[in-house]
Amino acid sequence: AHVVNNIGFCGVRTVVFHLLRDLSRRDYDLHVFCVIKQPEEYSDVQRQHIEAFEALGVTVHLADPAKKTIFVMEDICRSIRELGIDIVHTHSHKPNIFGRLAAVLGGNVKVIAHYHSEYKDKWRKGGSLLLDKLLGERTDRLIAVSESVRRAAAKKIGLARERIEVIPNGVDFAHFSAAHDAAEARRALSVPVGHRALGLVGRIVPPKAQEDFLAAAPKIRETFPATTFLIIGQADEPKHVARLRALTEELGLGAHVRFTGFQPDMPQVFSALDILVMPSHREGHPTALLEGMASGTPVIASDITSIAEIAVDGESALIVPVRSPQAIASAAVALLADPDRAQTLGAAGRARAREFSWTRASDRIDAIYQELMAPAFSRDA
């Protein structure tokens, strides 16, 4: 059983889906439990995601919207017993707490906690760091999506780094590297004919640094006035979105910025972009970066350790200082002024993305499951 926040838009849902896509071909009865409800306005998208999981043979258990998380945990605990779950594999901050508590209370099950990011702000709230430390002693395996996440988790929780295994995320290379009609993709995103398009992909939350992207835009437009800036992703925090829209008007960018919301066809979106900008202040192992690189889109990204584990400055991306709109603008102008360099960068990024495989990740997860279950059962028995 995998425990997640919800079947929503975040990268964790993508990771779990691709891991289960491969694991579903093996001898597992797979379940996904959600600990929080999905906002009502995204119910149609949630249904599409549920159907995608169900097509793999995965049973999805949604959180009861009338219940607080602590009582949802009780439901998960009951289901663990009733379904005879052998392994509980939790993902991200809240599921790593409540999912593991349910597993510990649910009986004789093996427990895996999967860390997808550095939860610096979340560990400060509600005693969750203490719970994480206590649950670490009751957890059979711990996984981090990158070396930077492993270092952060080991330091905060007080565990030896060797106890946490790094399993990087993958990318569906064939899906994202396929050719698309760029002109049609731009029309779908309301990019005017003749405009260049720069995009930031990710949930609209402060760590993704949409403010830095917007702050770079006026400087870029000084050299390339016919440029459209796309902010692509789910709006998780309405107040934050309102601040971004206000900043857009304050910078005189109203006619040049598009808040596209969730986009179901991301390969098409990437084909519309001249440059993917990822100015994040914090990432775990960003799936959007891998997807953009697999698409051959030139990338400008911030100088944080998790991105450095994927992209090499000047080779597969242009790496710029964190919180530096000026550096973003300079890098963007340089790429827009030199299409050959942009194309070379995009090709190198695509070659680098090919090295990240969901099959390799799921093979390692499968091996961990087999190790935990032996000698209880063997697929070859």
Protein backbone atom coordinates (compact mmCIF):
# COMPACT_ATOMS: atom_id res chain seq x y z
CA ALA A 1 0.00 0.00 0.00
CA HIS A 2 1.29 3.44 -0.98
CA VAL A 3 0.19 6.45 1.08
CA VAL A 4 0.14 9.90 -0.57
CA ASN A 5 -1.35 13.32 0.13
CA ASN A 6 -3.89 13.08 -2.70
CA ILE A 7 -4.27 12.11 -6.34
CA GLY A 8 -3.57 15.68 -7.40
CA PHE A 9 -1.08 17.61 -9.51
CA CYS A 10 2.16 17.46 -7.58
CA GLY A 11 5.29 15.65 -8.66
CA VAL A 12 4.81 12.99 -5.97
CA ARG A 13 1.67 11.72 -7.71
CA THR A 14 3.69 11.43 -10.93
CA VAL A 15 6.44 9.50 -9.15
CA VAL A 16 4.03 7.06 -7.52
CA PHE A 17 2.12 6.51 -10.76
CA HIS A 18 5.24 5.61 -12.73
CA LEU A 19 6.61 3.35 -10.00
CA LEU A 20 3.29 1.51 -9.81
CA ARG A 21 3.01 1.32 -13.59
CA ASP A 22 6.07 -0.93 -13.59
CA LEU A 23 5.28 -2.71 -10.31
CA SER A 24 1.77 -3.53 -11.55
CA ARG A 25 3.34 -5.93 -14.05
CA ARG A 26 4.73 -7.95 -11.16
CA ASP A 27 3.03 -10.03 -8.47
CA TYR A 28 1.63 -7.30 -6.23
CA ASP A 29 -1.84 -6.34 -5.05
CA LEU A 30 -1.41 -2.56 -5.14
CA HIS A 31 -3.34 0.09 -3.22
CA VAL A 32 -3.00 3.87 -2.93
CA PHE A 33 -4.38 5.67 0.14
CA CYS A 34 -4.85 9.46 0.31
CA VAL A 35 -4.55 11.33 3.61
CA ILE A 36 -6.07 14.66 2.51
CA LYS A 37 -8.93 15.52 0.19
CA GLN A 38 -8.50 17.10 -3.23
CA PRO A 39 -10.07 20.58 -3.67
CA GLU A 40 -13.53 20.28 -5.21
CA GLU A 41 -12.66 22.45 -8.21
CA TYR A 42 -10.21 19.80 -9.39
CA SER A 43 -12.55 16.82 -9.07
CA ASP A 44 -12.58 16.18 -12.84
CA VAL A 45 -8.80 15.98 -12.99
CA GLN A 46 -8.73 13.80 -9.88
CA ARG A 47 -11.15 11.41 -11.56
CA GLN A 48 -8.86 11.20 -14.59
CA HIS A 49 -5.89 10.42 -12.36
CA ILE A 50 -7.85 7.79 -10.43
CA GLU A 51 -8.88 6.14 -13.69
CA ALA A 52 -5.23 6.07 -14.78
CA PHE A 53 -4.26 4.27 -11.56
CA GLU A 54 -7.23 1.89 -11.84
CA ALA A 55 -6.20 1.03 -15.41
CA LEU A 56 -3.00 -0.35 -13.87
CA GLY A 57 -5.03 -2.52 -11.50
CA VAL A 58 -4.35 -0.22 -8.54
CA THR A 59 -7.14 0.36 -6.00
CA VAL A 60 -7.38 4.02 -4.91
CA HIS A 61 -8.78 4.89 -1.47
CA LEU A 62 -9.71 8.58 -1.19
CA ALA A 63 -9.72 10.43 2.10
CA ASP A 64 -13.18 11.02 3.59
CA PRO A 65 -13.64 14.79 3.07
CA ALA A 66 -15.69 15.02 6.27
CA LYS A 67 -12.83 13.71 8.42
CA LYS A 68 -9.72 15.34 9.81
CA THR A 69 -6.41 13.72 8.91
CA ILE A 70 -6.07 11.96 12.27
CA PHE A 71 -9.34 10.11 11.63
CA VAL A 72 -8.36 9.34 8.04
CA MET A 73 -5.28 7.70 9.56
CA GLU A 74 -7.62 5.52 11.62
CA ASP A 75 -9.40 4.46 8.40
CA ILE A 76 -6.08 3.57 6.78
CA CYS A 77 -5.06 1.59 9.84
CA ARG A 78 -8.31 -0.41 9.66
CA SER A 79 -7.83 -1.06 5.95
CA ILE A 80 -4.27 -2.29 6.51
CA ARG A 81 -5.66 -4.97 8.80
CA GLU A 82 -8.68 -5.87 6.68
CA LEU A 83 -6.77 -6.07 3.39
CA GLY A 84 -3.84 -7.97 4.84
CA ILE A 85 -1.32 -5.37 3.68
CA ASP A 86 2.30 -6.57 3.94
CA ILE A 87 4.18 -3.35 3.13
CA VAL A 88 3.20 0.29 3.69
CA HIS A 89 5.19 2.70 1.53
CA THR A 90 4.60 6.36 2.41
CA HIS A 91 5.46 9.41 0.29
CA SER A 92 6.12 13.02 1.27
CA HIS A 93 5.84 14.84 4.58
CA LYS A 94 2.31 14.33 5.90
CA PRO A 95 1.92 10.74 4.61
CA ASN A 96 5.35 9.93 6.10
CA ILE A 97 3.88 10.87 9.46
CA PHE A 98 0.27 9.70 9.34
CA GLY A 99 0.84 6.78 6.98
CA ARG A 100 3.60 5.37 9.16
CA LEU A 101 1.54 5.87 12.30
CA ALA A 102 -1.27 3.90 10.65
CA ALA A 103 1.20 1.19 9.67
CA VAL A 104 2.71 0.92 13.14
CA LEU A 105 -0.75 0.72 14.70
CA GLY A 106 -2.06 -1.56 11.97
CA GLY A 107 -0.07 -4.61 12.93
CA ASN A 108 2.80 -6.66 11.58
CA VAL A 109 3.67 -4.78 8.39
CA LYS A 110 6.92 -3.58 6.88
CA VAL A 111 7.26 0.19 6.60
CA ILE A 112 9.05 2.33 3.99
CA ALA A 113 9.24 6.14 4.14
CA HIS A 114 10.02 7.97 0.89
CA TYR A 115 11.37 11.54 1.17
CA HIS A 116 10.64 13.65 -1.92
CA SER A 117 11.89 17.03 -0.73
CA GLU A 118 13.54 18.93 2.11
CA TYR A 119 10.70 19.64 4.52
CA LYS A 120 12.39 22.49 6.37
CA ASP A 121 9.27 24.60 6.95
CA LYS A 122 6.98 21.60 7.57
CA TRP A 123 9.29 20.02 10.15
CA ARG A 124 8.87 23.18 12.24
CA LYS A 125 5.12 22.66 12.67
CA GLY A 126 3.08 20.63 15.13
CA GLY A 127 5.85 18.46 16.50
CA SER A 128 6.22 16.67 13.18
CA LEU A 129 10.02 16.54 13.43
CA LEU A 130 9.79 14.72 16.76
CA LEU A 131 7.31 12.26 15.24
CA ASP A 132 9.59 11.75 12.25
CA LYS A 133 12.49 10.98 14.58
CA LEU A 134 10.44 8.52 16.63
CA LEU A 135 9.01 6.83 13.54
CA GLY A 136 12.47 6.54 12.02
CA GLU A 137 13.24 3.84 14.57
CA ARG A 138 10.12 1.92 13.49
CA THR A 139 10.78 2.23 9.76
CA ASP A 140 12.32 -0.68 7.86
CA ARG A 141 13.65 1.31 4.91
CA LEU A 142 14.05 4.99 4.15
CA ILE A 143 14.36 6.35 0.60
CA ALA A 144 15.33 9.80 -0.70
CA VAL A 145 14.90 11.03 -4.26
CA SER A 146 18.30 12.76 -4.31
CA GLU A 147 21.53 13.03 -2.40
CA SER A 148 20.60 16.53 -1.24
CA VAL A 149 17.32 15.26 0.21
CA ARG A 150 19.15 12.37 1.90
CA ARG A 151 21.61 14.77 3.55
CA ALA A 152 18.82 17.05 4.77
CA ALA A 153 16.67 14.20 6.09
CA ALA A 154 19.57 12.44 7.82
CA LYS A 155 20.66 15.66 9.51
CA LYS A 156 17.18 16.65 10.67
CA ILE A 157 16.00 13.22 11.79
CA GLY A 158 19.33 12.31 13.33
CA LEU A 159 19.97 9.16 11.30
CA ALA A 160 23.12 7.90 9.65
CA ARG A 161 23.07 8.80 5.95
CA GLU A 162 23.70 5.13 5.17
CA ARG A 163 20.23 4.28 6.50
CA ILE A 164 18.64 6.29 3.68
CA GLU A 165 18.93 4.97 0.14
CA VAL A 166 18.88 7.35 -2.84
CA ILE A 167 16.58 6.31 -5.69
CA PRO A 168 16.36 9.14 -8.23
CA ASN A 169 13.13 9.85 -10.09
CA GLY A 170 12.88 8.90 -13.73
CA VAL A 171 11.23 10.33 -16.81
CA ASP A 172 9.01 8.76 -19.46
CA PHE A 173 11.54 9.56 -22.16
CA ALA A 174 9.59 8.20 -25.13
CA HIS A 175 6.50 10.19 -24.11
CA PHE A 176 8.28 13.52 -23.68
CA SER A 177 10.76 13.25 -26.53
CA ALA A 178 8.08 12.62 -29.18
CA ALA A 179 7.62 15.38 -31.77
CA HIS A 180 4.71 17.83 -31.41
CA ASP A 181 3.31 20.71 -33.45
CA ALA A 182 4.88 23.72 -31.73
CA ALA A 183 2.65 26.23 -33.55
CA GLU A 184 -0.49 24.42 -32.43
CA ALA A 185 0.86 24.16 -28.88
CA ARG A 186 1.46 27.92 -28.80
CA ARG A 187 -2.05 28.63 -30.09
CA ALA A 188 -3.49 26.41 -27.37
CA LEU A 189 -1.62 28.47 -24.75
CA SER A 190 -2.61 31.83 -26.31
CA VAL A 191 0.94 32.75 -27.28
CA PRO A 192 0.72 35.39 -30.04
CA VAL A 193 2.21 34.57 -33.43
CA GLY A 194 5.80 35.80 -33.59
CA HIS A 195 6.25 35.81 -29.81
CA ARG A 196 8.91 33.87 -27.98
CA ALA A 197 7.60 31.80 -25.06
CA LEU A 198 9.27 31.28 -21.70
CA GLY A 199 7.60 29.00 -19.17
CA LEU A 200 7.80 28.02 -15.53
CA VAL A 201 6.21 24.65 -14.75
CA GLY A 202 5.15 23.65 -11.25
CA ARG A 203 2.64 24.16 -8.49
CA ILE A 204 2.11 27.84 -7.73
CA VAL A 205 3.71 27.95 -4.29
CA PRO A 206 6.50 30.20 -2.92
CA PRO A 207 9.40 27.68 -3.18
CA LYS A 208 8.86 27.50 -6.96
CA ALA A 209 9.85 31.20 -7.15
CA GLN A 210 7.32 32.48 -9.67
CA GLU A 211 8.10 35.99 -8.32
CA ASP A 212 11.69 35.72 -9.55
CA PHE A 213 10.44 34.61 -12.97
CA LEU A 214 8.12 37.61 -13.21
CA ALA A 215 10.78 40.00 -11.90
CA ALA A 216 13.12 38.87 -14.71
CA ALA A 217 10.50 39.49 -17.41
CA PRO A 218 10.83 43.30 -17.84
CA LYS A 219 14.59 43.00 -18.37
CA ILE A 220 14.08 40.26 -20.97
CA ARG A 221 11.48 42.39 -22.75
CA GLU A 222 13.96 45.26 -23.08
CA THR A 223 15.78 43.15 -25.69
CA PHE A 224 12.95 40.88 -26.82
CA PRO A 225 9.68 42.81 -26.35
CA ALA A 226 7.62 40.18 -28.19
CA THR A 227 7.88 37.59 -25.42
CA THR A 228 5.12 35.77 -23.54
CA PHE A 229 5.71 34.38 -20.04
CA LEU A 230 3.75 31.29 -19.06
CA ILE A 231 3.13 30.24 -15.46
CA ILE A 232 1.99 26.65 -15.80
CA GLY A 233 0.58 24.68 -12.89
CA GLN A 234 -2.05 24.26 -10.22
CA ALA A 235 -2.79 27.20 -7.94
CA ASP A 236 -2.55 25.65 -4.48
CA GLU A 237 -2.60 28.89 -2.51
CA PRO A 238 -5.14 31.50 -3.74
CA LYS A 239 -3.53 34.32 -1.74
CA HIS A 240 -0.17 33.61 -3.32
CA VAL A 241 -1.71 33.60 -6.79
CA ALA A 242 -3.34 36.96 -6.02
CA ARG A 243 0.07 38.37 -5.04
CA LEU A 244 1.57 37.09 -8.29
CA ARG A 245 -1.22 38.64 -10.35
CA ALA A 246 -0.73 41.93 -8.53
CA LEU A 247 3.01 41.78 -9.22
CA THR A 248 2.26 41.10 -12.89
CA GLU A 249 0.24 44.33 -13.11
CA GLU A 250 2.76 46.28 -11.05
CA LEU A 251 5.52 45.30 -13.51
CA GLY A 252 3.37 46.24 -16.49
CA LEU A 253 3.26 42.67 -17.75
CA GLY A 254 -0.48 42.14 -17.88
CA ALA A 255 -0.59 41.52 -21.65
CA HIS A 256 2.51 39.33 -21.62
CA VAL A 257 1.84 36.83 -18.80
CA ARG A 258 -0.46 33.80 -18.92
CA PHE A 259 -1.51 31.82 -15.86
CA THR A 260 -2.44 28.62 -17.67
CA GLY A 261 -3.52 26.48 -14.71
CA PHE A 262 -3.16 22.71 -14.86
CA GLN A 263 -2.29 21.40 -18.32
CA PRO A 264 -3.02 17.73 -19.07
CA ASP A 265 -0.75 17.46 -22.12
CA MET A 266 2.67 18.44 -20.84
CA PRO A 267 4.71 17.17 -23.84
CA GLN A 268 2.71 19.59 -25.98
CA VAL A 269 3.32 22.39 -23.46
CA PHE A 270 7.07 21.86 -23.51
CA SER A 271 7.05 21.93 -27.31
CA ALA A 272 5.57 25.45 -27.12
CA LEU A 273 8.45 26.81 -25.03
CA ASP A 274 11.61 28.46 -26.24
CA ILE A 275 13.02 28.18 -22.73
CA LEU A 276 11.97 26.37 -19.55
CA VAL A 277 12.85 28.44 -16.47
CA MET A 278 13.14 26.71 -13.10
CA PRO A 279 14.16 29.37 -10.54
CA SER A 280 13.15 27.24 -7.53
CA HIS A 281 14.48 27.99 -4.06
CA ARG A 282 14.01 24.35 -3.06
CA GLU A 283 13.44 21.07 -4.93
CA GLY A 284 13.73 17.39 -4.19
CA HIS A 285 14.43 15.84 -7.59
CA PRO A 286 12.25 17.86 -9.97
CA THR A 287 10.22 15.80 -12.43
CA ALA A 288 9.35 18.93 -14.45
CA LEU A 289 13.04 19.54 -15.05
CA LEU A 290 13.57 16.00 -16.33
CA GLU A 291 10.46 16.22 -18.51
CA GLY A 292 11.52 19.55 -20.01
CA MET A 293 15.00 18.24 -20.72
CA ALA A 294 13.59 15.06 -22.31
CA SER A 295 11.50 17.32 -24.54
CA GLY A 296 14.66 19.03 -25.76
CA THR A 297 13.62 22.39 -24.30
CA PRO A 298 16.58 24.59 -23.28
CA VAL A 299 16.63 25.06 -19.51
CA ILE A 300 17.61 27.87 -17.15
CA ALA A 301 17.60 26.63 -13.55
CA SER A 302 18.66 27.83 -10.13
CA ASP A 303 21.87 26.77 -8.45
CA ILE A 304 20.51 24.37 -5.83
CA THR A 305 22.07 21.00 -5.09
CA SER A 306 19.15 18.84 -6.24
CA ILE A 307 19.19 20.50 -9.68
CA ALA A 308 22.97 20.15 -9.85
CA GLU A 309 22.48 16.39 -9.48
CA ILE A 310 20.56 16.44 -12.78
CA ALA A 311 21.88 19.28 -14.95
CA VAL A 312 25.42 20.50 -15.66
CA ASP A 313 25.92 24.24 -16.08
CA GLY A 314 26.76 25.26 -19.63
CA GLU A 315 26.30 21.73 -20.88
CA SER A 316 22.75 20.50 -20.24
CA ALA A 317 21.33 23.72 -18.74
CA LEU A 318 22.29 27.26 -17.76
CA ILE A 319 22.56 27.42 -13.97
CA VAL A 320 21.98 30.78 -12.30
CA PRO A 321 22.19 31.97 -8.68
CA VAL A 322 19.13 31.47 -6.48
CA ARG A 323 16.87 34.53 -6.02
CA SER A 324 18.50 36.42 -8.91
CA PRO A 325 16.00 37.72 -11.48
CA GLN A 326 18.85 39.64 -13.12
CA ALA A 327 20.78 36.41 -13.73
CA ILE A 328 17.65 34.73 -15.10
CA ALA A 329 17.13 37.63 -17.49
CA SER A 330 20.76 37.66 -18.66
CA ALA A 331 20.72 33.91 -19.32
CA ALA A 332 17.39 34.12 -21.17
CA VAL A 333 18.53 37.00 -23.37
CA ALA A 334 21.73 35.11 -24.20
CA LEU A 335 19.79 32.01 -25.29
CA LEU A 336 17.14 33.93 -27.25
CA ALA A 337 19.91 35.81 -29.08
CA ASP A 338 21.74 32.60 -29.99
CA PRO A 339 19.32 29.94 -31.32
CA ASP A 340 22.17 27.56 -32.21
CA ARG A 341 23.42 27.61 -28.64
CA ALA A 342 19.87 27.09 -27.35
CA GLN A 343 19.40 24.11 -29.66
CA THR A 344 22.72 22.58 -28.56
CA LEU A 345 21.78 23.05 -24.91
CA GLY A 346 18.39 21.45 -25.48
CA ALA A 347 19.93 18.45 -27.27
CA ALA A 348 22.43 17.91 -24.46
CA GLY A 349 19.64 18.17 -21.90
CA ARG A 350 17.65 15.53 -23.78
CA ALA A 351 20.66 13.18 -23.80
CA ARG A 352 21.14 13.70 -20.05
CA ALA A 353 17.45 13.06 -19.28
CA ARG A 354 17.67 9.68 -21.00
CA GLU A 355 19.88 8.52 -18.11
CA PHE A 356 16.97 8.76 -15.63
CA SER A 357 14.77 5.67 -15.91
CA TRP A 358 11.51 4.79 -14.17
CA THR A 359 12.24 1.12 -14.88
CA ARG A 360 15.53 1.37 -13.01
CA ALA A 361 13.79 3.07 -10.08
CA SER A 362 10.96 0.54 -9.90
CA ASP A 363 13.42 -2.36 -10.19
CA ARG A 364 15.16 -1.10 -7.07
CA ILE A 365 11.82 -0.63 -5.26
CA ASP A 366 10.86 -4.17 -6.23
CA ALA A 367 14.15 -5.48 -4.86
CA ILE A 368 13.54 -3.69 -1.56
CA TYR A 369 10.05 -5.21 -1.32
CA GLN A 370 11.47 -8.69 -1.94
CA GLU A 371 14.20 -8.17 0.65
CA LEU A 372 11.66 -7.05 3.25
CA MET A 373 9.31 -9.96 2.58
CA ALA A 374 11.90 -12.74 2.48
CA PRO A 375 11.54 -15.44 3.67
CA ALA A 376 7.80 -14.78 4.03
CA PHE A 377 7.35 -15.33 0.31
CA SER A 378 9.37 -15.50 -2.86
CA ARG A 379 8.07 -14.74 -6.34
CA ASP A 380 9.99 -17.81 -7.56
CA ALA A 381 8.61 -20.13 -4.88
